[in-house]
Structures are given as structure tokens and as C-alpha cells.
Protein backbone atom coordinates (compact mmCIF):
# COMPACT_ATOMS: atom_id res chain seq x y z
CA MET A 1 0.20 0.05 0.06
CA THR A 2 1.32 3.35 -1.03
CA ILE A 3 0.21 6.37 1.03
CA PRO A 4 1.40 9.97 -0.15
CA CYS A 5 2.78 11.77 2.65
CA ASP A 6 4.61 15.25 3.05
CA ILE A 7 7.33 13.67 5.27
CA VAL A 8 8.36 10.20 6.00
CA ILE A 9 10.61 9.46 9.18
CA LYS A 10 12.60 6.27 8.62
CA ASN A 11 14.85 4.20 10.52
CA ALA A 12 14.35 5.53 14.06
CA ARG A 13 13.58 3.82 17.39
CA VAL A 14 10.05 4.52 18.00
CA PHE A 15 8.30 4.98 21.48
CA ASP A 16 4.38 5.84 20.47
CA GLY A 17 3.51 7.46 24.14
CA GLU A 18 2.44 3.81 25.53
CA LYS A 19 5.16 1.53 24.14
CA LEU A 20 8.36 0.77 22.16
CA ILE A 21 7.07 -0.24 18.88
CA GLU A 22 9.13 -3.26 17.55
CA GLY A 23 11.79 -2.92 14.87
CA SER A 24 12.07 0.46 13.47
CA PRO A 25 8.66 1.52 11.38
CA SER A 26 8.23 4.29 9.33
CA VAL A 27 6.08 7.41 10.39
CA GLY A 28 4.30 9.20 7.67
CA ILE A 29 3.19 13.02 8.33
CA VAL A 30 0.28 14.20 6.08
CA GLY A 31 -0.58 17.72 6.54
CA ASN A 32 -0.78 18.21 10.30
CA LYS A 33 -1.29 14.64 11.24
CA ILE A 34 0.09 11.16 11.23
CA GLY A 35 -0.80 9.26 8.04
CA PHE A 36 0.67 5.93 8.93
CA VAL A 37 2.96 4.06 11.28
CA GLY A 38 4.61 0.93 10.04
CA LYS A 39 6.29 -0.73 7.09
CA ASN A 40 4.24 0.74 4.40
CA SER A 41 5.70 2.15 1.56
CA ALA A 42 5.13 5.63 0.96
CA SER A 43 5.81 8.65 -1.84
CA ALA A 44 6.82 11.65 0.33
CA VAL A 45 7.88 14.99 -0.39
CA ARG A 46 10.61 14.85 2.23
CA GLU A 47 12.22 11.70 3.74
CA ILE A 48 14.28 11.72 6.80
CA ASP A 49 16.69 9.13 7.80
CA ALA A 50 16.57 8.91 11.60
CA SER A 51 19.15 6.03 12.02
CA GLY A 52 20.42 5.88 15.52
CA ARG A 53 17.73 8.27 16.85
CA PHE A 54 14.82 7.96 19.12
CA LEU A 55 11.22 9.26 17.69
CA MET A 56 8.36 9.94 20.36
CA PRO A 57 5.42 12.06 20.94
CA GLY A 58 6.40 15.66 21.88
CA LEU A 59 6.89 16.62 25.81
CA ILE A 60 3.74 17.87 27.55
CA ASP A 61 4.34 19.85 30.63
CA CYS A 62 1.19 20.03 32.72
CA HIS A 63 2.03 22.71 35.23
CA LEU A 64 4.10 25.76 34.69
CA HIS A 65 3.46 29.55 34.69
CA LEU A 66 4.22 31.48 31.43
CA LEU A 67 3.68 35.00 32.24
CA ASN A 68 6.17 37.17 34.30
CA MET A 69 4.44 37.65 37.61
CA TRP A 70 7.31 39.70 38.94
CA THR A 71 7.77 42.48 36.29
CA ALA A 72 4.05 42.59 34.87
CA LEU A 73 2.79 45.23 37.23
CA ASP A 74 0.71 46.95 34.94
CA PRO A 75 -1.05 46.56 31.42
CA ALA A 76 2.05 48.22 29.56
CA ARG A 77 4.55 46.06 31.29
CA MET A 78 2.52 42.89 30.83
CA ALA A 79 1.98 43.94 26.66
CA ALA A 80 6.07 44.34 26.80
CA ASP A 81 6.72 40.91 28.36
CA ILE A 82 4.32 39.19 25.93
CA GLY A 83 5.91 41.10 22.97
CA SER A 84 9.33 40.40 23.80
CA GLU A 85 10.59 38.04 26.51
CA LEU A 86 7.64 35.57 26.31
CA LYS A 87 9.04 34.70 22.89
CA THR A 88 12.25 33.96 24.44
CA ARG A 89 10.56 31.39 26.73
CA LEU A 90 8.51 29.65 24.20
CA ARG A 91 11.28 29.13 21.84
CA ALA A 92 13.41 27.46 24.64
CA LEU A 93 10.35 25.30 25.40
CA LEU A 94 10.42 24.14 21.83
CA ALA A 95 14.08 23.59 21.78
CA ALA A 96 13.68 21.57 24.85
CA GLY A 97 11.11 19.30 23.06
CA VAL A 98 8.00 20.60 24.65
CA THR A 99 5.39 20.76 22.19
CA THR A 100 2.20 21.28 24.57
CA VAL A 101 2.02 23.20 27.98
CA LYS A 102 -0.82 23.84 30.32
CA SER A 103 -0.62 27.08 32.49
CA VAL A 104 -2.11 26.98 35.58
CA GLY A 105 -2.92 30.30 37.48
CA ASP A 106 -1.69 32.97 35.06
CA SER A 107 -3.75 36.10 34.80
CA GLU A 108 -6.87 35.16 32.72
CA ASP A 109 -7.24 37.91 30.23
CA ASP A 110 -3.51 37.81 29.42
CA ILE A 111 -3.00 34.13 29.14
CA LEU A 112 -6.19 33.61 26.99
CA ARG A 113 -4.58 36.26 24.70
CA VAL A 114 -1.39 34.48 24.48
CA ARG A 115 -3.41 31.17 23.61
CA SER A 116 -5.21 32.85 20.80
CA MET A 117 -2.09 34.20 19.72
CA LEU A 118 -0.59 31.21 19.53
CA SER A 119 -3.64 29.48 17.68
CA ALA A 120 -3.38 32.13 15.06
CA GLY A 121 0.37 31.80 14.41
CA GLU A 122 1.10 35.31 15.88
CA LEU A 123 3.59 33.79 18.48
CA VAL A 124 5.53 30.39 17.87
CA GLY A 125 5.56 28.10 20.49
CA PRO A 126 4.07 24.89 22.15
CA ARG A 127 0.19 24.48 21.96
CA LEU A 128 -1.29 26.07 25.32
CA TYR A 129 -3.78 24.94 27.69
CA ALA A 130 -4.85 27.30 30.35
CA THR A 131 -6.77 27.31 33.63
CA GLY A 132 -6.59 31.43 33.80
CA GLY A 133 -6.51 32.63 37.62
CA ALA A 134 -6.79 30.56 40.50
CA PHE A 135 -9.34 30.11 43.31
CA ALA A 136 -8.17 30.75 46.76
CA ALA A 137 -9.37 31.64 50.33
CA PRO A 138 -9.15 35.43 50.94
CA ASP A 139 -5.61 36.65 51.91
CA SER A 140 -4.10 33.43 51.50
CA HIS A 141 -1.62 31.88 48.60
CA PRO A 142 -0.98 33.24 46.01
CA GLY A 143 -2.41 36.62 46.78
CA THR A 144 -0.54 37.65 50.07
CA THR A 145 2.40 35.69 49.08
CA ILE A 146 3.60 35.52 45.31
CA PHE A 147 1.31 38.49 44.59
CA SER A 148 2.24 40.61 47.92
CA LYS A 149 4.07 43.25 45.94
CA ASN A 150 1.82 43.11 42.78
CA PRO A 151 -1.70 44.10 43.54
CA TRP A 152 -2.37 44.47 39.96
CA MET A 153 -1.49 40.91 38.99
CA ARG A 154 -3.34 39.63 42.31
CA ASN A 155 -6.49 41.18 40.97
CA ARG A 156 -6.11 39.50 37.73
CA ALA A 157 -4.71 36.09 38.59
CA VAL A 158 -6.54 35.23 41.94
CA PHE A 159 -10.12 34.84 42.70
CA GLU A 160 -10.31 35.27 46.58
CA THR A 161 -13.63 34.11 47.96
CA ASP A 162 -15.35 32.54 51.07
CA SER A 163 -18.75 32.38 49.19
CA PRO A 164 -19.76 29.14 47.51
CA HIS A 165 -22.37 31.44 45.60
CA ARG A 166 -19.67 33.94 44.46
CA ALA A 167 -17.47 30.86 43.51
CA ARG A 168 -19.98 29.42 41.46
CA GLU A 169 -20.68 32.69 39.32
CA ALA A 170 -16.82 32.97 38.81
CA VAL A 171 -16.70 29.34 37.34
CA ARG A 172 -19.40 30.19 35.00
CA CYS A 173 -17.33 33.17 33.89
CA LYS A 174 -14.45 31.18 33.39
CA ALA A 175 -16.49 28.81 31.36
CA GLU A 176 -17.97 31.48 29.35
CA ASN A 177 -14.29 32.60 28.56
CA LYS A 178 -13.61 28.91 27.82
CA VAL A 179 -10.82 28.21 30.04
CA ASP A 180 -9.69 24.66 29.67
CA ALA A 181 -10.01 23.76 33.20
CA ILE A 182 -10.40 25.06 36.84
CA LYS A 183 -7.23 25.48 39.21
CA ILE A 184 -7.91 25.74 42.95
CA VAL A 185 -5.26 26.68 45.52
CA HIS A 186 -6.56 24.74 48.76
CA GLN A 187 -3.17 25.68 50.56
CA GLY A 188 -0.11 27.25 50.06
CA GLY A 189 3.55 25.71 49.77
CA CYS A 190 6.75 25.84 51.62
CA LYS A 191 4.57 24.64 54.72
CA HIS A 192 6.03 25.14 58.06
CA GLY A 193 4.38 24.61 61.35
CA ASP A 194 0.76 24.79 62.77
CA PRO A 195 -0.71 27.20 62.35
CA TYR A 196 0.38 27.12 58.71
CA PHE A 197 2.92 29.62 57.40
CA PHE A 198 4.42 29.79 53.87
CA LYS A 199 7.86 30.52 54.42
CA ALA A 200 10.34 30.67 51.34
CA ALA A 201 13.64 32.76 51.82
CA ALA A 202 14.20 32.82 48.12
CA LEU A 203 10.89 34.42 47.61
CA GLY A 204 11.05 36.57 50.71
CA ILE A 205 7.70 35.06 51.94
CA ASP A 206 7.08 34.44 55.56
CA ILE A 207 3.27 34.62 56.09
CA GLN A 208 0.38 32.62 57.56
CA ILE A 209 -2.28 31.46 55.02
CA LEU A 210 -5.63 29.72 55.21
CA ARG A 211 -7.12 26.96 53.41
CA LEU A 212 -10.62 27.37 51.48
CA GLU A 213 -13.80 26.63 53.38
CA ARG A 214 -14.96 23.07 52.42
CA ALA A 215 -18.37 24.41 51.01
CA VAL A 216 -16.37 26.74 48.56
CA LEU A 217 -14.24 23.90 47.45
CA GLU A 218 -17.00 21.73 46.96
CA ALA A 219 -18.93 24.27 45.17
CA ILE A 220 -16.19 25.32 42.87
CA ILE A 221 -15.67 21.55 41.84
CA ASP A 222 -19.19 20.87 41.20
CA GLU A 223 -19.76 23.77 39.11
CA ALA A 224 -16.62 23.13 37.06
CA HIS A 225 -18.21 19.74 36.46
CA LYS A 226 -21.36 21.23 35.38
CA HIS A 227 -19.37 22.85 32.52
CA ARG A 228 -17.45 19.84 31.86
CA LEU A 229 -14.50 21.29 33.06
CA LYS A 230 -11.83 19.37 35.26
CA ALA A 231 -10.85 20.91 38.78
CA THR A 232 -7.28 20.47 39.88
CA VAL A 233 -6.07 21.48 43.30
CA HIS A 234 -3.07 22.69 44.70
CA THR A 235 -2.24 20.86 47.98
CA VAL A 236 1.07 20.10 49.87
CA ASP A 237 -0.30 17.88 52.82
CA GLN A 238 -2.26 14.56 53.14
CA ARG A 239 -5.26 16.15 55.03
CA ALA A 240 -5.75 18.83 52.25
CA ALA A 241 -5.33 16.33 49.68
CA LEU A 242 -8.27 14.33 50.97
CA GLU A 243 -10.45 17.25 51.35
CA ALA A 244 -9.87 18.07 47.47
CA LEU A 245 -10.47 14.53 46.51
CA GLU A 246 -13.69 13.94 48.55
CA ALA A 247 -14.85 16.98 47.20
CA GLY A 248 -14.56 15.50 43.76
CA ALA A 249 -11.12 17.21 42.41
CA ASP A 250 -9.78 15.58 38.95
CA GLY A 251 -6.29 15.96 40.22
CA LEU A 252 -3.73 17.15 42.52
CA GLU A 253 -1.04 19.72 41.91
CA HIS A 254 2.09 19.15 44.08
CA GLY A 255 0.06 16.34 46.00
CA VAL A 256 1.43 15.33 49.28
CA ILE A 257 4.98 16.67 49.82
CA HIS A 258 5.73 16.96 53.67
CA GLU A 259 4.68 13.77 55.03
CA PRO A 260 4.77 10.07 53.92
CA LEU A 261 1.63 8.74 52.57
CA VAL A 262 0.55 6.86 55.71
CA ASP A 263 -2.14 4.64 54.28
CA ASP A 264 -4.01 4.15 50.89
CA ARG A 265 -6.96 6.46 51.13
CA VAL A 266 -5.31 9.41 48.91
CA ILE A 267 -4.55 6.51 46.33
CA GLU A 268 -8.01 4.84 46.51
CA LEU A 269 -9.61 8.58 45.81
CA LEU A 270 -7.42 9.32 43.17
CA LEU A 271 -8.29 5.89 41.40
CA ALA A 272 -12.02 6.33 42.19
CA ASN A 273 -11.90 10.04 40.85
CA ARG A 274 -9.82 8.96 37.83
CA ALA A 275 -7.77 11.96 38.91
CA SER A 276 -4.27 12.87 38.09
CA TYR A 277 -1.02 13.47 40.45
CA VAL A 278 0.84 15.99 39.00
CA PRO A 279 4.41 15.69 41.06
CA THR A 280 6.38 19.07 40.52
CA LEU A 281 9.54 17.72 42.08
CA TRP A 282 11.79 20.41 40.52
CA LEU A 283 10.44 22.47 43.71
CA ILE A 284 12.75 20.22 45.74
CA ALA A 285 15.13 23.11 44.86
CA PHE A 286 13.37 25.15 47.48
CA GLU A 287 12.83 22.59 50.22
CA GLU A 288 15.74 19.92 49.64
CA GLU A 289 14.93 18.23 52.88
CA THR A 290 11.52 17.07 51.34
CA ALA A 291 13.06 15.17 48.51
CA ALA A 292 13.07 11.70 50.20
CA THR A 293 9.16 12.02 51.12
CA ARG A 294 8.35 13.28 47.64
CA TYR A 295 10.16 10.52 45.93
CA ALA A 296 8.75 7.95 48.04
CA ASN A 297 4.92 9.29 47.53
CA LEU A 298 5.50 9.48 43.68
CA ARG A 299 6.73 6.07 43.83
CA ARG A 300 3.69 4.60 45.72
CA ILE A 301 1.42 6.75 43.44
CA VAL A 302 2.68 5.49 40.32
CA ASP A 303 3.18 1.81 41.45
CA ALA A 304 -0.68 1.97 42.42
CA GLY A 305 -1.67 2.71 38.61
CA VAL A 306 -2.42 6.38 39.35
CA ARG A 307 -1.98 8.78 36.45
CA ALA A 308 0.80 11.00 37.15
CA PRO A 309 1.49 13.54 34.46
CA MET A 310 4.66 15.24 34.23
CA GLY A 311 4.32 18.93 35.49
CA SER A 312 7.29 21.23 36.28
CA ASP A 313 5.88 24.28 37.96
CA THR A 314 8.36 26.38 35.96
CA PHE A 315 7.91 30.08 36.62
CA CYS A 316 10.05 33.19 35.73
CA GLY A 317 12.85 34.31 37.74
CA PHE A 318 14.24 30.66 38.81
CA GLY A 319 15.97 28.56 36.09
CA SER A 320 14.95 28.41 32.59
CA PHE A 321 12.01 27.32 30.44
CA GLY A 322 12.59 23.71 29.09
CA GLU A 323 15.77 23.09 31.23
CA ILE A 324 13.58 22.93 34.16
CA THR A 325 11.03 20.52 32.34
CA HIS A 326 14.03 18.35 31.96
CA ILE A 327 15.15 18.63 35.68
CA GLU A 328 11.88 17.49 36.45
CA MET A 329 11.76 14.48 34.53
CA GLU A 330 15.32 13.40 35.89
CA HIS A 331 14.00 13.82 39.60
CA TYR A 332 11.41 10.95 38.54
CA ALA A 333 14.29 8.94 37.62
CA ARG A 334 16.13 9.75 41.23
CA ALA A 335 12.60 8.62 42.58
CA GLY A 336 13.07 5.37 40.76
CA ILE A 337 10.54 5.57 38.12
CA PRO A 338 11.75 3.71 34.93
CA PRO A 339 12.71 5.53 31.93
CA LEU A 340 9.72 4.20 29.65
CA LYS A 341 7.13 5.27 32.64
CA ILE A 342 8.60 8.45 32.69
CA LEU A 343 8.21 8.70 28.79
CA LYS A 344 4.45 7.86 29.17
CA MET A 345 4.12 10.35 32.01
CA ALA A 346 5.32 13.06 29.71
CA THR A 347 3.30 11.94 26.67
CA SER A 348 0.27 9.91 26.71
CA ASP A 349 -0.43 10.37 30.63
CA ALA A 350 -0.13 14.14 30.21
CA ALA A 351 -2.49 14.06 27.04
CA GLN A 352 -4.99 12.09 28.98
CA HIS A 353 -4.86 14.69 31.92
CA LEU A 354 -5.52 17.49 29.53
CA ASP A 355 -8.52 15.53 27.77
CA ALA A 356 -6.39 16.20 24.66
CA ASN A 357 -7.33 12.97 22.55
CA ASP A 358 -5.17 14.25 19.73
CA LEU A 359 -1.98 14.38 21.57
CA GLY A 360 0.51 12.10 23.46
CA VAL A 361 0.33 9.05 21.09
CA ILE A 362 1.98 8.28 17.63
CA ALA A 363 -0.91 6.80 15.55
CA PRO A 364 -2.83 7.34 12.42
CA GLY A 365 -4.94 10.49 12.73
CA ARG A 366 -3.43 12.09 15.73
CA LEU A 367 -1.58 15.44 15.40
CA ALA A 368 2.01 15.29 14.34
CA ASP A 369 3.56 16.63 17.49
CA LEU A 370 6.78 14.65 17.46
CA ILE A 371 10.47 15.02 18.69
CA LEU A 372 13.54 13.21 17.34
CA VAL A 373 16.34 12.65 20.06
CA ASP A 374 19.96 12.00 19.79
CA GLY A 375 20.47 9.05 22.07
CA ASN A 376 18.43 6.55 23.81
CA PRO A 377 16.01 7.81 26.63
CA GLU A 378 14.76 4.45 27.23
CA ALA A 379 18.40 3.73 28.81
CA ASP A 380 18.75 7.36 30.25
CA ILE A 381 16.18 9.91 30.64
CA SER A 382 18.82 12.80 30.41
CA ALA A 383 18.98 11.65 26.70
CA LEU A 384 16.19 13.77 26.32
CA ARG A 385 18.09 16.90 26.68
CA ASN A 386 19.48 16.15 22.96
CA ILE A 387 16.32 17.10 20.69
CA SER A 388 17.64 17.13 17.29
CA THR A 389 14.15 17.77 15.83
CA LEU A 390 10.80 18.77 16.72
CA PHE A 391 7.72 18.65 14.77
CA LYS A 392 4.41 20.49 15.80
CA ASN A 393 1.24 20.09 13.88
CA GLY A 394 3.51 18.52 11.17
CA GLN A 395 5.96 21.49 10.85
CA VAL A 396 9.44 21.34 11.69
CA LEU A 397 10.00 24.23 14.23
CA VAL A 398 13.49 22.76 15.49
CA GLY A 399 16.22 21.10 13.65
CA ILE A 400 16.84 20.16 10.09
């Protein structure tokens, strides 16, 4: 059978998002989609001999913050960031093999404008999913922490409420704005003591914060589900994680990081909700003493069959976009997660978390978001740092 293709990639070792494919099948690209995978003969405008390289779906980072929360203090400076420095961050993500990202908590009007610009080709970068601003308790994280010196951004990036009614209204507005999911901050990070203080010397933060009221948490998640939106919840301890999952949450951002999982209840609820556990282990850089606990909890989660999509929590001012995505996956390896499972976390698991059925798998009819890697990430996940070619929507954006 001969299939006319725009591009045919031959002789690569192929990971399809779920498993390694035996042999070295050819992969044909027709327009922006995958035309075939296998031994089919094909007439192609362009052939790529990928001998010695590794072909896989593009990486999906399910937790980052694209906009500069430190410098965007007013409309003019936000526009300046989008018009200049954001382009550098987007290019860096592509160069690192990242073809899709999920923004969780960037200011809503601004990130949805960026999403439109990417869709229209006015910006070049990964495809973008966005929650817009996050829900949080009044005078809590991130309003009084990350945004304590940026009231303009605080008003745009956080919806602080103790009213279930107002929370439902806000979810309805977000649904009308066509956000891709809902983010809830149920507690802060960098937990220290009881009462709960958010302490982060690198960020100059030391402040007591509060959880959302249970009725508000339940109202947000219930209303999100009425609009067919997933609700993912920022937690750091087991009690908050249980509250979120019992309220019907579809995912935990960060999860349980300050204490070992002492029983199976969190895992049971994650499985019952078909929810995701987004690890964000890069944040160990801010709390190195939590590394062993985070590693052990992630191993338990993954071994139990819970979906754990890759998410780095990259944000401006600390490290480089793209580089942090690779550091994140290398932490999974240190946690004892096998390389092929890490590849799945960063591709098909991440796509399922986003409800992005066209992404994360190399199969006929799926979008042609692909990367070619020099080296073998099946043996060493750090090989993913060696991206030779990136395709997004069937177009070569990096390499060749």
C-alpha cells in the first residue's frame, strides 16, 4: 500500500506514547497529522533518515506559569513581556522538546490572549492549555505570597472568596471565557508549622495563610463539572489532598510533599476519581529536605496505577524554561521511576490529563507533534536533553 505523505521518518527507534514499537517502523506525516505507522511504502515530499535516533511524541508539561508575575505590574509592562521576553521562553520550550504546556494560574485575560496568538500563528511556541486565574481563600496563597508586591496581578490572577455562591458565578464566567480547566489553591506551599505558615527565603515570603472553606471547595468543583471542566487542586499535605479528592477533584497539583502517605486513602480516591497526581518535583530546589518524602510518595502513587502526568511548575525568575522540564523528569528517575514510564508520564498520561485525545500518542489520525532525540532515553532519561528535531502540527520548528 502506498500512502502519499509530506514527510516520512525512517529507521528510528519509536516510542508511541504507550510502548516501544518493535523494529524500526516508518512514520508518515500528512498535513498536520500522522498518516501511518508501520512498514508501508510511501511517496513523500521529504524523507528523513533517523538512524540511531529515537522518535516519540512531543513532551507535555502540565504545570507551569508562562507570564512574568514579577515584572508585569500594569498593562503596559504585561504587553511588553508578551511582545518580547515571552517569545524567548516559548522558543526555549520548543528547543527542549516541549510541544504542549498547561498554564495553571496565569492572569486570565492575558494568558487567553496568548493562547489565541499561538493558535493564530502570531506567536510560535507549544500549544497552550490554560486555567486562567486560580481560586483561593481570602488573604491566602498566592494573593498574599507570590503577588504580595503586585496588586495589579493579584486582582487578575487570583479569585479570593469565602462565598460558595460567588465561587459558582466565577466558574461560570471562566467557562464562558473558554478556559481549559479550573485551578484551585486549597493551601500554600513551603509549609512550616501549625498554624500554617508559607516560608520561602528565596522569595522573601513568611506569612500565615488559610485553606478554602470546604463548602467553597465543593461548590467550585461541582460547578466546574457542570460545565465539563476538570478541577485540579493545589495541595501539599495529606489532609488537604483528602479534602480535595473527597470534594471530587480531578487532580492534585504538588500532592503530598511534607509527610509520607501513611495509608491508601489518597491513592484510593485518586483512582476512584480517575484523577491525576502532578508531581512538580523541581520544587525540591526550594525545600531539599523534602526530597526523600516526595520521591517515596511518587513511587507509591505510580506503583498503584495512578496517572501521574509530568508537570514542572516552571516560573519566571528561577531557572530556565525547558531546562526545568528536563530537571523535573530527571527527578522522577531519582525517585526510581523507570525511563519508559517517565516517557509515558510526559506524553500519553499528560494528554489524558488534559483530555487532549489528539496528542501524546503516535498513531494514524493523531496530531503530528513529534520529537527526534539523539540518544536513547529508554536507557537514560537525560538523553531527552538532546533534541535534534521537533515537529508541531507536522511542521519542523526545531532542527533539520
